Amino acid sequence: MRCVVDTNVIVSASVFALSVPRQAVENVLRNGILLFSDFTMDELKSVLFRSKFDRYVSREERALFLAQLSAAAEFVEIIQLVRKCRDPKDDKYLEVALNGRADVIITGDTDLRSLHPWREIQILSPAAYLKRAS
C-alpha cells in the first residue's frame, strides 16, 4: 500500500511513542511504502524540530526518527499540481498522493478528510487506517 502521512501525524508519532499515530506510521513502514515530496519533507523537518517538542522527546531522537523515515521513503516528483483543499497548505499532500499513485492519505486534518475519497484515494485518520489495515 502506497501511503502519504501528513506532518501532524508524523510529529505525533515522533513525540508520543505509544500513540495511535505512531502505530499507524510503524504499520506503513512495515507493510507499505511511505511517500514524500521535497515540500512535505521540508515541512516535516521545520515542524519536527520546533523547541516546543524538546520537553517530550530529545532532538537526537527526533533526528533518528526522521532519518529512519527518510531512508524508508520514496520521494515523489510533483508534476501535476492540485488546487482542491479548502486550506491551500494541504494541497501538497494531495499532490504527493496523486503523483505518487498513493492508495491512502493518513491525516488528522478535517479539511483533507472531508474530501474522502478523492480520486479513488482513501483519506483516513490514523485510527481508521489501522482498522482498515488489520
N, C-alpha and C. Protein backbone atom coordinates (compact mmCIF):
# COMPACT_ATOMS: atom_id res chain seq x y z
N MET A 1 0.85 -1.18 0.00
CA MET A 1 0.00 0.00 0.00
C MET A 1 0.89 1.24 0.00
N ARG A 2 0.59 2.14 -0.90
CA ARG A 2 1.36 3.39 -1.03
C ARG A 2 0.67 4.46 -0.20
N CYS A 3 1.40 5.06 0.75
CA CYS A 3 0.79 5.91 1.76
C CYS A 3 1.46 7.27 1.87
N VAL A 4 0.63 8.29 2.00
CA VAL A 4 1.07 9.64 2.35
C VAL A 4 0.62 9.86 3.79
N VAL A 5 1.55 10.31 4.63
CA VAL A 5 1.21 10.60 6.03
C VAL A 5 1.50 12.07 6.27
N ASP A 6 0.52 12.79 6.78
CA ASP A 6 0.71 14.23 6.92
C ASP A 6 1.65 14.55 8.09
N THR A 7 2.16 15.75 8.07
CA THR A 7 3.16 16.19 9.04
C THR A 7 2.68 16.05 10.48
N ASN A 8 1.46 16.44 10.76
CA ASN A 8 0.99 16.39 12.14
C ASN A 8 0.93 14.96 12.68
N VAL A 9 0.57 14.01 11.84
CA VAL A 9 0.55 12.61 12.27
C VAL A 9 1.97 12.14 12.56
N ILE A 10 2.92 12.50 11.70
CA ILE A 10 4.30 12.08 11.91
C ILE A 10 4.89 12.73 13.15
N VAL A 11 4.60 14.00 13.37
CA VAL A 11 5.10 14.66 14.58
C VAL A 11 4.52 13.98 15.82
N SER A 12 3.23 13.69 15.81
CA SER A 12 2.63 12.98 16.95
C SER A 12 3.27 11.61 17.14
N ALA A 13 3.56 10.94 16.05
CA ALA A 13 4.21 9.63 16.12
C ALA A 13 5.60 9.74 16.73
N SER A 14 6.29 10.80 16.41
CA SER A 14 7.64 11.00 16.93
C SER A 14 7.63 11.35 18.42
N VAL A 15 6.69 12.17 18.81
CA VAL A 15 6.66 12.70 20.18
C VAL A 15 6.02 11.71 21.15
N PHE A 16 5.02 10.97 20.70
CA PHE A 16 4.27 10.06 21.57
C PHE A 16 4.43 8.62 21.08
N ALA A 17 5.39 7.91 21.67
CA ALA A 17 5.80 6.59 21.18
C ALA A 17 4.71 5.54 21.22
N LEU A 18 3.75 5.66 22.10
CA LEU A 18 2.71 4.65 22.22
C LEU A 18 1.38 5.07 21.59
N SER A 19 1.41 6.14 20.83
CA SER A 19 0.17 6.72 20.28
C SER A 19 -0.35 5.96 19.07
N VAL A 20 -1.61 6.21 18.75
CA VAL A 20 -2.22 5.67 17.54
C VAL A 20 -1.48 6.18 16.29
N PRO A 21 -1.12 7.48 16.22
CA PRO A 21 -0.32 7.91 15.06
C PRO A 21 0.99 7.12 14.93
N ARG A 22 1.66 6.83 16.03
CA ARG A 22 2.90 6.05 15.96
C ARG A 22 2.63 4.65 15.42
N GLN A 23 1.55 4.04 15.89
CA GLN A 23 1.18 2.71 15.39
C GLN A 23 0.90 2.75 13.89
N ALA A 24 0.23 3.81 13.44
CA ALA A 24 -0.08 3.93 12.01
C ALA A 24 1.20 4.09 11.19
N VAL A 25 2.11 4.96 11.64
CA VAL A 25 3.37 5.16 10.91
C VAL A 25 4.18 3.86 10.89
N GLU A 26 4.26 3.18 12.01
CA GLU A 26 5.01 1.91 12.05
C GLU A 26 4.39 0.87 11.12
N ASN A 27 3.05 0.85 11.05
CA ASN A 27 2.38 -0.08 10.13
C ASN A 27 2.74 0.24 8.68
N VAL A 28 2.76 1.53 8.34
CA VAL A 28 3.15 1.93 6.98
C VAL A 28 4.58 1.48 6.70
N LEU A 29 5.48 1.70 7.65
CA LEU A 29 6.88 1.34 7.44
C LEU A 29 7.05 -0.17 7.29
N ARG A 30 6.27 -0.95 8.01
CA ARG A 30 6.37 -2.42 7.94
C ARG A 30 5.71 -2.98 6.69
N ASN A 31 4.58 -2.41 6.31
CA ASN A 31 3.73 -3.07 5.31
C ASN A 31 3.45 -2.27 4.06
N GLY A 32 3.97 -1.06 3.98
CA GLY A 32 3.65 -0.22 2.84
C GLY A 32 4.84 0.57 2.35
N ILE A 33 4.54 1.56 1.55
CA ILE A 33 5.55 2.47 1.03
C ILE A 33 5.15 3.87 1.44
N LEU A 34 6.03 4.53 2.17
CA LEU A 34 5.80 5.89 2.65
C LEU A 34 6.24 6.87 1.57
N LEU A 35 5.36 7.79 1.20
CA LEU A 35 5.63 8.74 0.12
C LEU A 35 5.82 10.15 0.67
N PHE A 36 6.84 10.83 0.16
CA PHE A 36 7.10 12.23 0.47
C PHE A 36 7.40 12.96 -0.82
N SER A 37 7.24 14.27 -0.79
CA SER A 37 7.82 15.16 -1.79
C SER A 37 8.87 15.98 -1.06
N ASP A 38 9.66 16.72 -1.79
CA ASP A 38 10.61 17.62 -1.13
C ASP A 38 9.88 18.62 -0.24
N PHE A 39 8.70 19.07 -0.69
CA PHE A 39 7.93 20.05 0.07
C PHE A 39 7.41 19.47 1.37
N THR A 40 6.87 18.23 1.33
CA THR A 40 6.34 17.66 2.57
C THR A 40 7.47 17.30 3.53
N MET A 41 8.61 16.89 3.01
CA MET A 41 9.76 16.60 3.88
C MET A 41 10.30 17.88 4.51
N ASP A 42 10.38 18.95 3.73
CA ASP A 42 10.85 20.22 4.28
C ASP A 42 9.93 20.72 5.39
N GLU A 43 8.63 20.59 5.18
CA GLU A 43 7.69 20.99 6.22
C GLU A 43 7.87 20.14 7.48
N LEU A 44 8.03 18.84 7.29
CA LEU A 44 8.23 17.95 8.44
C LEU A 44 9.47 18.34 9.24
N LYS A 45 10.57 18.58 8.55
CA LYS A 45 11.80 18.97 9.24
C LYS A 45 11.59 20.27 10.02
N SER A 46 10.92 21.21 9.42
CA SER A 46 10.68 22.50 10.06
C SER A 46 9.85 22.35 11.32
N VAL A 47 8.80 21.57 11.26
CA VAL A 47 7.89 21.41 12.39
C VAL A 47 8.50 20.51 13.46
N LEU A 48 9.11 19.43 13.05
CA LEU A 48 9.60 18.42 13.99
C LEU A 48 10.65 18.96 14.95
N PHE A 49 11.42 19.93 14.52
CA PHE A 49 12.49 20.44 15.36
C PHE A 49 12.15 21.75 16.08
N ARG A 50 10.88 22.05 16.20
CA ARG A 50 10.46 23.20 16.99
C ARG A 50 10.78 22.94 18.46
N SER A 51 11.21 23.96 19.14
CA SER A 51 11.64 23.81 20.54
C SER A 51 10.51 23.35 21.46
N LYS A 52 9.27 23.60 21.09
CA LYS A 52 8.16 23.20 21.96
C LYS A 52 8.08 21.69 22.16
N PHE A 53 8.72 20.91 21.28
CA PHE A 53 8.71 19.45 21.42
C PHE A 53 9.88 18.92 22.25
N ASP A 54 10.81 19.81 22.61
CA ASP A 54 12.01 19.39 23.35
C ASP A 54 11.66 18.72 24.68
N ARG A 55 10.60 19.16 25.32
CA ARG A 55 10.25 18.59 26.63
C ARG A 55 9.66 17.18 26.53
N TYR A 56 9.24 16.77 25.31
CA TYR A 56 8.65 15.45 25.13
C TYR A 56 9.66 14.41 24.66
N VAL A 57 10.53 14.83 23.75
CA VAL A 57 11.49 13.89 23.16
C VAL A 57 12.70 14.69 22.70
N SER A 58 13.88 14.11 22.84
CA SER A 58 15.10 14.84 22.51
C SER A 58 15.20 15.11 21.01
N ARG A 59 15.96 16.13 20.69
CA ARG A 59 16.22 16.44 19.27
C ARG A 59 16.90 15.27 18.59
N GLU A 60 17.77 14.59 19.31
CA GLU A 60 18.50 13.44 18.76
C GLU A 60 17.54 12.31 18.39
N GLU A 61 16.57 12.05 19.27
CA GLU A 61 15.58 11.01 18.98
C GLU A 61 14.72 11.38 17.79
N ARG A 62 14.36 12.66 17.71
CA ARG A 62 13.57 13.12 16.56
C ARG A 62 14.39 13.03 15.27
N ALA A 63 15.68 13.36 15.36
CA ALA A 63 16.54 13.27 14.18
C ALA A 63 16.67 11.82 13.72
N LEU A 64 16.79 10.90 14.67
CA LEU A 64 16.88 9.47 14.33
C LEU A 64 15.58 9.00 13.68
N PHE A 65 14.46 9.40 14.24
CA PHE A 65 13.16 9.03 13.68
C PHE A 65 13.03 9.57 12.25
N LEU A 66 13.42 10.81 12.04
CA LEU A 66 13.38 11.42 10.72
C LEU A 66 14.29 10.69 9.74
N ALA A 67 15.48 10.32 10.19
CA ALA A 67 16.41 9.59 9.33
C ALA A 67 15.83 8.23 8.92
N GLN A 68 15.16 7.57 9.85
CA GLN A 68 14.54 6.28 9.53
C GLN A 68 13.43 6.45 8.50
N LEU A 69 12.63 7.48 8.67
CA LEU A 69 11.56 7.75 7.70
C LEU A 69 12.15 8.06 6.32
N SER A 70 13.15 8.91 6.30
CA SER A 70 13.77 9.31 5.02
C SER A 70 14.36 8.12 4.30
N ALA A 71 15.02 7.24 5.05
CA ALA A 71 15.66 6.07 4.44
C ALA A 71 14.63 5.11 3.86
N ALA A 72 13.47 5.02 4.50
CA ALA A 72 12.44 4.08 4.06
C ALA A 72 11.53 4.66 2.98
N ALA A 73 11.52 5.97 2.84
CA ALA A 73 10.54 6.65 1.99
C ALA A 73 10.90 6.62 0.52
N GLU A 74 9.86 6.76 -0.27
CA GLU A 74 10.02 7.02 -1.71
C GLU A 74 9.68 8.49 -1.93
N PHE A 75 10.59 9.19 -2.59
CA PHE A 75 10.35 10.61 -2.86
C PHE A 75 9.71 10.76 -4.23
N VAL A 76 8.66 11.55 -4.27
CA VAL A 76 7.83 11.72 -5.45
C VAL A 76 8.09 13.08 -6.07
N GLU A 77 8.30 13.09 -7.36
CA GLU A 77 8.42 14.36 -8.09
C GLU A 77 7.01 14.88 -8.38
N ILE A 78 6.77 16.13 -8.07
CA ILE A 78 5.45 16.72 -8.28
C ILE A 78 5.39 17.31 -9.68
N ILE A 79 4.62 16.66 -10.53
CA ILE A 79 4.42 17.10 -11.91
C ILE A 79 3.03 17.71 -12.05
N GLN A 80 2.04 17.02 -11.51
CA GLN A 80 0.66 17.51 -11.55
C GLN A 80 0.38 18.27 -10.26
N LEU A 81 0.02 19.53 -10.39
CA LEU A 81 -0.35 20.35 -9.24
C LEU A 81 -1.83 20.18 -8.93
N VAL A 82 -2.18 20.37 -7.66
CA VAL A 82 -3.57 20.20 -7.21
C VAL A 82 -3.98 21.46 -6.47
N ARG A 83 -5.18 21.93 -6.74
CA ARG A 83 -5.79 23.04 -6.01
C ARG A 83 -7.20 22.61 -5.66
N LYS A 84 -7.32 21.86 -4.59
CA LYS A 84 -8.61 21.26 -4.27
C LYS A 84 -9.05 21.50 -2.82
N CYS A 85 -8.12 21.54 -1.91
CA CYS A 85 -8.45 21.59 -0.49
C CYS A 85 -8.86 23.01 -0.07
N ARG A 86 -9.75 23.08 0.90
CA ARG A 86 -10.17 24.37 1.44
C ARG A 86 -8.98 25.15 1.97
N ASP A 87 -8.06 24.45 2.62
CA ASP A 87 -6.82 25.07 3.11
C ASP A 87 -5.73 24.77 2.08
N PRO A 88 -5.29 25.76 1.32
CA PRO A 88 -4.32 25.52 0.25
C PRO A 88 -3.01 24.89 0.72
N LYS A 89 -2.67 25.04 2.01
CA LYS A 89 -1.45 24.43 2.53
C LYS A 89 -1.54 22.90 2.54
N ASP A 90 -2.76 22.37 2.47
CA ASP A 90 -2.94 20.92 2.47
C ASP A 90 -2.87 20.29 1.08
N ASP A 91 -2.89 21.13 0.05
CA ASP A 91 -2.84 20.59 -1.32
C ASP A 91 -1.57 19.78 -1.58
N LYS A 92 -0.49 20.09 -0.86
CA LYS A 92 0.77 19.37 -1.10
C LYS A 92 0.62 17.88 -0.81
N TYR A 93 -0.25 17.50 0.11
CA TYR A 93 -0.46 16.07 0.40
C TYR A 93 -1.25 15.41 -0.72
N LEU A 94 -2.21 16.14 -1.26
CA LEU A 94 -2.94 15.61 -2.42
C LEU A 94 -2.01 15.46 -3.62
N GLU A 95 -1.08 16.41 -3.78
CA GLU A 95 -0.11 16.33 -4.88
C GLU A 95 0.79 15.11 -4.75
N VAL A 96 1.27 14.84 -3.54
CA VAL A 96 2.10 13.65 -3.34
C VAL A 96 1.29 12.40 -3.63
N ALA A 97 0.05 12.37 -3.14
CA ALA A 97 -0.80 11.20 -3.36
C ALA A 97 -1.08 10.98 -4.85
N LEU A 98 -1.40 12.04 -5.56
CA LEU A 98 -1.71 11.93 -6.98
C LEU A 98 -0.48 11.53 -7.78
N ASN A 99 0.62 12.24 -7.60
CA ASN A 99 1.83 11.98 -8.37
C ASN A 99 2.52 10.69 -7.96
N GLY A 100 2.31 10.27 -6.72
CA GLY A 100 2.94 9.05 -6.22
C GLY A 100 2.04 7.83 -6.30
N ARG A 101 0.87 7.99 -6.91
CA ARG A 101 -0.08 6.89 -7.05
C ARG A 101 -0.39 6.23 -5.70
N ALA A 102 -0.71 7.08 -4.72
CA ALA A 102 -0.99 6.59 -3.37
C ALA A 102 -2.35 5.89 -3.30
N ASP A 103 -2.42 4.99 -2.34
CA ASP A 103 -3.68 4.32 -2.03
C ASP A 103 -4.41 5.04 -0.90
N VAL A 104 -3.64 5.71 -0.03
CA VAL A 104 -4.23 6.30 1.15
C VAL A 104 -3.41 7.52 1.61
N ILE A 105 -4.13 8.50 2.14
CA ILE A 105 -3.53 9.61 2.87
C ILE A 105 -3.97 9.43 4.32
N ILE A 106 -3.01 9.44 5.24
CA ILE A 106 -3.31 9.31 6.65
C ILE A 106 -3.16 10.68 7.28
N THR A 107 -4.25 11.18 7.85
CA THR A 107 -4.25 12.55 8.35
C THR A 107 -5.27 12.73 9.46
N GLY A 108 -4.99 13.65 10.33
CA GLY A 108 -5.96 14.06 11.32
C GLY A 108 -6.69 15.33 10.89
N ASP A 109 -6.32 15.87 9.75
CA ASP A 109 -6.83 17.14 9.26
C ASP A 109 -8.25 16.97 8.69
N THR A 110 -9.20 17.68 9.27
CA THR A 110 -10.59 17.53 8.82
C THR A 110 -10.81 18.09 7.42
N ASP A 111 -10.03 19.12 7.03
CA ASP A 111 -10.16 19.65 5.67
C ASP A 111 -9.81 18.58 4.64
N LEU A 112 -8.75 17.85 4.90
CA LEU A 112 -8.37 16.77 3.98
C LEU A 112 -9.37 15.62 4.05
N ARG A 113 -9.72 15.22 5.26
CA ARG A 113 -10.62 14.07 5.41
C ARG A 113 -12.00 14.34 4.82
N SER A 114 -12.40 15.60 4.72
CA SER A 114 -13.70 15.92 4.12
C SER A 114 -13.74 15.58 2.63
N LEU A 115 -12.58 15.39 2.02
CA LEU A 115 -12.52 15.04 0.60
C LEU A 115 -12.62 13.53 0.35
N HIS A 116 -12.62 12.73 1.41
CA HIS A 116 -12.60 11.26 1.30
C HIS A 116 -13.81 10.73 0.57
N PRO A 117 -13.63 9.81 -0.36
CA PRO A 117 -12.37 9.52 -1.06
C PRO A 117 -12.14 10.55 -2.15
N TRP A 118 -10.89 10.73 -2.50
CA TRP A 118 -10.52 11.69 -3.54
C TRP A 118 -9.76 10.95 -4.62
N ARG A 119 -10.33 10.97 -5.83
CA ARG A 119 -9.72 10.28 -6.98
C ARG A 119 -9.35 8.84 -6.62
N GLU A 120 -10.25 8.18 -5.93
CA GLU A 120 -10.09 6.79 -5.51
C GLU A 120 -8.99 6.59 -4.47
N ILE A 121 -8.53 7.67 -3.87
CA ILE A 121 -7.54 7.61 -2.80
C ILE A 121 -8.29 7.77 -1.48
N GLN A 122 -8.09 6.82 -0.59
CA GLN A 122 -8.71 6.89 0.74
C GLN A 122 -8.02 8.00 1.55
N ILE A 123 -8.78 8.74 2.30
CA ILE A 123 -8.23 9.77 3.19
C ILE A 123 -8.76 9.44 4.58
N LEU A 124 -7.87 8.90 5.42
CA LEU A 124 -8.28 8.30 6.68
C LEU A 124 -7.53 8.88 7.87
N SER A 125 -8.17 8.87 9.02
CA SER A 125 -7.48 9.18 10.27
C SER A 125 -6.52 8.02 10.59
N PRO A 126 -5.55 8.23 11.46
CA PRO A 126 -4.67 7.12 11.84
C PRO A 126 -5.45 5.92 12.38
N ALA A 127 -6.46 6.16 13.20
CA ALA A 127 -7.25 5.05 13.75
C ALA A 127 -8.01 4.31 12.67
N ALA A 128 -8.62 5.04 11.73
CA ALA A 128 -9.35 4.39 10.64
C ALA A 128 -8.40 3.62 9.73
N TYR A 129 -7.22 4.16 9.51
CA TYR A 129 -6.22 3.43 8.71
C TYR A 129 -5.84 2.12 9.39
N LEU A 130 -5.58 2.17 10.69
CA LEU A 130 -5.21 0.94 11.41
C LEU A 130 -6.33 -0.09 11.37
N LYS A 131 -7.54 0.36 11.52
CA LYS A 131 -8.69 -0.55 11.46
C LYS A 131 -8.79 -1.23 10.10
N ARG A 132 -8.56 -0.43 9.05
CA ARG A 132 -8.63 -0.95 7.68
C ARG A 132 -7.44 -1.88 7.39
N ALA A 133 -6.29 -1.57 7.98
CA ALA A 133 -5.09 -2.36 7.71
C ALA A 133 -5.08 -3.70 8.44
N SER A 134 -5.91 -3.83 9.47
CA SER A 134 -5.88 -5.09 10.25
C SER A 134 -6.73 -6.17 9.65
